[in-house]
Each structure stands twice: as structure tokens, then as C-alpha cells.
Amino acid sequence: MQQHAVVMHPLPRLDEIAVDVDEDPRAAYFRQAKNDLYIRMALLKKLLLIGC
């Protein structure tokens, strides 16, 4: 894999990605999942406030 590559995955991870990849600094799927949580919360809030 190239040095500038980034490994992303929407999670949950089954057997598509080896557990060894978790230690690689190019693995971004845990950051991706964390950011996804905040995006979903903001979208949900926005949708709920539209109905008020």
C-alpha cells in the first residue's frame, strides 16, 4: 500500500480488513466512525428542529 493511502471502512468490520491494520497510522476507520457519530447527531437535530 502506498504511504499516502488511507484505509477507510464504514464499520462494523467483519473479515474484510485484518485486525493488524488497526495499528497502521493510515487506518482511518475509527476516526471515520467517530466523526460519523457527530454528523448523524447534527443531522438528526436538524431534522427534528424542522418539525418545530
N, C-alpha and C. Protein backbone atom coordinates (compact mmCIF):
# COMPACT_ATOMS: atom_id res chain seq x y z
N MET A 1 0.84 -1.17 0.00
CA MET A 1 0.00 0.00 0.00
C MET A 1 0.90 1.24 0.00
N GLN A 2 0.48 2.25 -0.72
CA GLN A 2 1.27 3.47 -0.81
C GLN A 2 1.26 4.24 0.51
N GLN A 3 2.31 5.02 0.75
CA GLN A 3 2.45 5.74 2.02
C GLN A 3 1.36 6.78 2.22
N HIS A 4 0.84 7.37 1.16
CA HIS A 4 -0.18 8.40 1.30
C HIS A 4 -1.60 7.84 1.26
N ALA A 5 -1.73 6.53 1.17
CA ALA A 5 -3.05 5.90 1.12
C ALA A 5 -3.73 5.98 2.49
N VAL A 6 -5.05 5.97 2.48
CA VAL A 6 -5.85 5.98 3.71
C VAL A 6 -6.82 4.82 3.63
N VAL A 7 -6.91 4.05 4.70
CA VAL A 7 -7.83 2.91 4.75
C VAL A 7 -9.08 3.36 5.49
N MET A 8 -10.21 3.34 4.78
CA MET A 8 -11.48 3.73 5.38
C MET A 8 -12.46 2.57 5.27
N HIS A 9 -13.39 2.51 6.22
CA HIS A 9 -14.40 1.46 6.23
C HIS A 9 -15.56 1.97 7.07
N PRO A 10 -16.80 1.73 6.67
CA PRO A 10 -17.93 2.27 7.42
C PRO A 10 -18.21 1.54 8.73
N LEU A 11 -17.57 0.43 8.96
CA LEU A 11 -17.77 -0.39 10.15
C LEU A 11 -19.22 -0.85 10.27
N PRO A 12 -19.57 -1.88 10.90
CA PRO A 12 -18.70 -2.78 11.63
C PRO A 12 -17.87 -3.63 10.68
N ARG A 13 -16.69 -3.90 11.11
CA ARG A 13 -15.76 -4.69 10.31
C ARG A 13 -15.94 -6.15 10.67
N LEU A 14 -16.08 -6.97 9.66
CA LEU A 14 -16.17 -8.41 9.90
C LEU A 14 -14.83 -9.03 9.54
N ASP A 15 -14.69 -9.50 8.33
CA ASP A 15 -13.41 -10.09 7.94
C ASP A 15 -12.84 -9.43 6.68
N GLU A 16 -13.35 -8.23 6.34
CA GLU A 16 -12.85 -7.54 5.15
C GLU A 16 -11.45 -6.97 5.37
N ILE A 17 -11.16 -6.55 6.59
CA ILE A 17 -9.87 -5.94 6.91
C ILE A 17 -9.26 -6.70 8.07
N ALA A 18 -7.99 -7.05 7.93
CA ALA A 18 -7.31 -7.76 9.01
C ALA A 18 -7.16 -6.86 10.23
N VAL A 19 -7.19 -7.46 11.40
CA VAL A 19 -7.06 -6.72 12.66
C VAL A 19 -5.70 -6.03 12.74
N ASP A 20 -4.70 -6.58 12.07
CA ASP A 20 -3.36 -5.98 12.07
C ASP A 20 -3.35 -4.57 11.50
N VAL A 21 -4.30 -4.27 10.65
CA VAL A 21 -4.36 -2.94 10.02
C VAL A 21 -4.72 -1.87 11.05
N ASP A 22 -5.33 -2.24 12.15
CA ASP A 22 -5.72 -1.27 13.19
C ASP A 22 -4.53 -0.46 13.69
N GLU A 23 -3.37 -1.05 13.73
CA GLU A 23 -2.17 -0.37 14.24
C GLU A 23 -1.51 0.53 13.19
N ASP A 24 -1.91 0.41 11.95
CA ASP A 24 -1.32 1.21 10.87
C ASP A 24 -1.83 2.64 10.97
N PRO A 25 -0.96 3.64 10.94
CA PRO A 25 -1.41 5.03 11.04
C PRO A 25 -2.28 5.47 9.87
N ARG A 26 -2.27 4.71 8.78
CA ARG A 26 -3.11 5.04 7.63
C ARG A 26 -4.54 4.54 7.80
N ALA A 27 -4.80 3.75 8.83
CA ALA A 27 -6.15 3.25 9.08
C ALA A 27 -6.98 4.38 9.69
N ALA A 28 -7.98 4.82 8.97
CA ALA A 28 -8.78 5.97 9.41
C ALA A 28 -10.19 5.58 9.80
N TYR A 29 -10.51 4.30 9.85
CA TYR A 29 -11.91 3.92 10.04
C TYR A 29 -12.43 4.20 11.44
N PHE A 30 -11.59 4.21 12.46
CA PHE A 30 -12.09 4.56 13.80
C PHE A 30 -12.37 6.06 13.89
N ARG A 31 -11.50 6.89 13.30
CA ARG A 31 -11.78 8.33 13.23
C ARG A 31 -13.01 8.59 12.38
N GLN A 32 -13.13 7.83 11.30
CA GLN A 32 -14.28 7.97 10.41
C GLN A 32 -15.56 7.66 11.17
N ALA A 33 -15.57 6.60 11.96
CA ALA A 33 -16.76 6.23 12.72
C ALA A 33 -17.07 7.28 13.79
N LYS A 34 -16.05 7.82 14.43
CA LYS A 34 -16.26 8.85 15.45
C LYS A 34 -16.89 10.10 14.83
N ASN A 35 -16.33 10.54 13.71
CA ASN A 35 -16.89 11.71 13.03
C ASN A 35 -18.29 11.45 12.51
N ASP A 36 -18.54 10.23 12.07
CA ASP A 36 -19.86 9.86 11.57
C ASP A 36 -20.91 10.01 12.67
N LEU A 37 -20.56 9.69 13.89
CA LEU A 37 -21.48 9.83 15.01
C LEU A 37 -21.93 11.28 15.15
N TYR A 38 -20.98 12.21 15.11
CA TYR A 38 -21.32 13.63 15.27
C TYR A 38 -22.14 14.15 14.08
N ILE A 39 -21.83 13.69 12.89
CA ILE A 39 -22.60 14.09 11.72
C ILE A 39 -24.03 13.59 11.83
N ARG A 40 -24.20 12.35 12.24
CA ARG A 40 -25.56 11.80 12.38
C ARG A 40 -26.34 12.54 13.46
N MET A 41 -25.67 12.89 14.56
CA MET A 41 -26.35 13.64 15.62
C MET A 41 -26.79 15.01 15.11
N ALA A 42 -25.94 15.69 14.37
CA ALA A 42 -26.28 17.01 13.84
C ALA A 42 -27.43 16.93 12.85
N LEU A 43 -27.40 15.93 11.98
CA LEU A 43 -28.48 15.76 11.02
C LEU A 43 -29.80 15.44 11.70
N LEU A 44 -29.75 14.59 12.70
CA LEU A 44 -30.96 14.25 13.44
C LEU A 44 -31.53 15.48 14.14
N LYS A 45 -30.67 16.27 14.76
CA LYS A 45 -31.12 17.50 15.42
C LYS A 45 -31.76 18.44 14.41
N LYS A 46 -31.11 18.60 13.26
CA LYS A 46 -31.63 19.48 12.21
C LYS A 46 -33.00 19.00 11.75
N LEU A 47 -33.16 17.71 11.54
CA LEU A 47 -34.44 17.16 11.10
C LEU A 47 -35.52 17.33 12.15
N LEU A 48 -35.18 17.14 13.41
CA LEU A 48 -36.16 17.27 14.48
C LEU A 48 -36.58 18.73 14.68
N LEU A 49 -35.66 19.67 14.48
CA LEU A 49 -35.99 21.08 14.66
C LEU A 49 -36.83 21.62 13.51
N ILE A 50 -36.76 20.99 12.36
CA ILE A 50 -37.58 21.42 11.22
C ILE A 50 -39.06 21.25 11.55
N GLY A 51 -39.39 20.21 12.29
CA GLY A 51 -40.78 19.93 12.63
C GLY A 51 -41.35 20.85 13.70
N CYS A 52 -40.52 21.66 14.36
CA CYS A 52 -41.00 22.54 15.44
C CYS A 52 -41.56 23.83 14.91
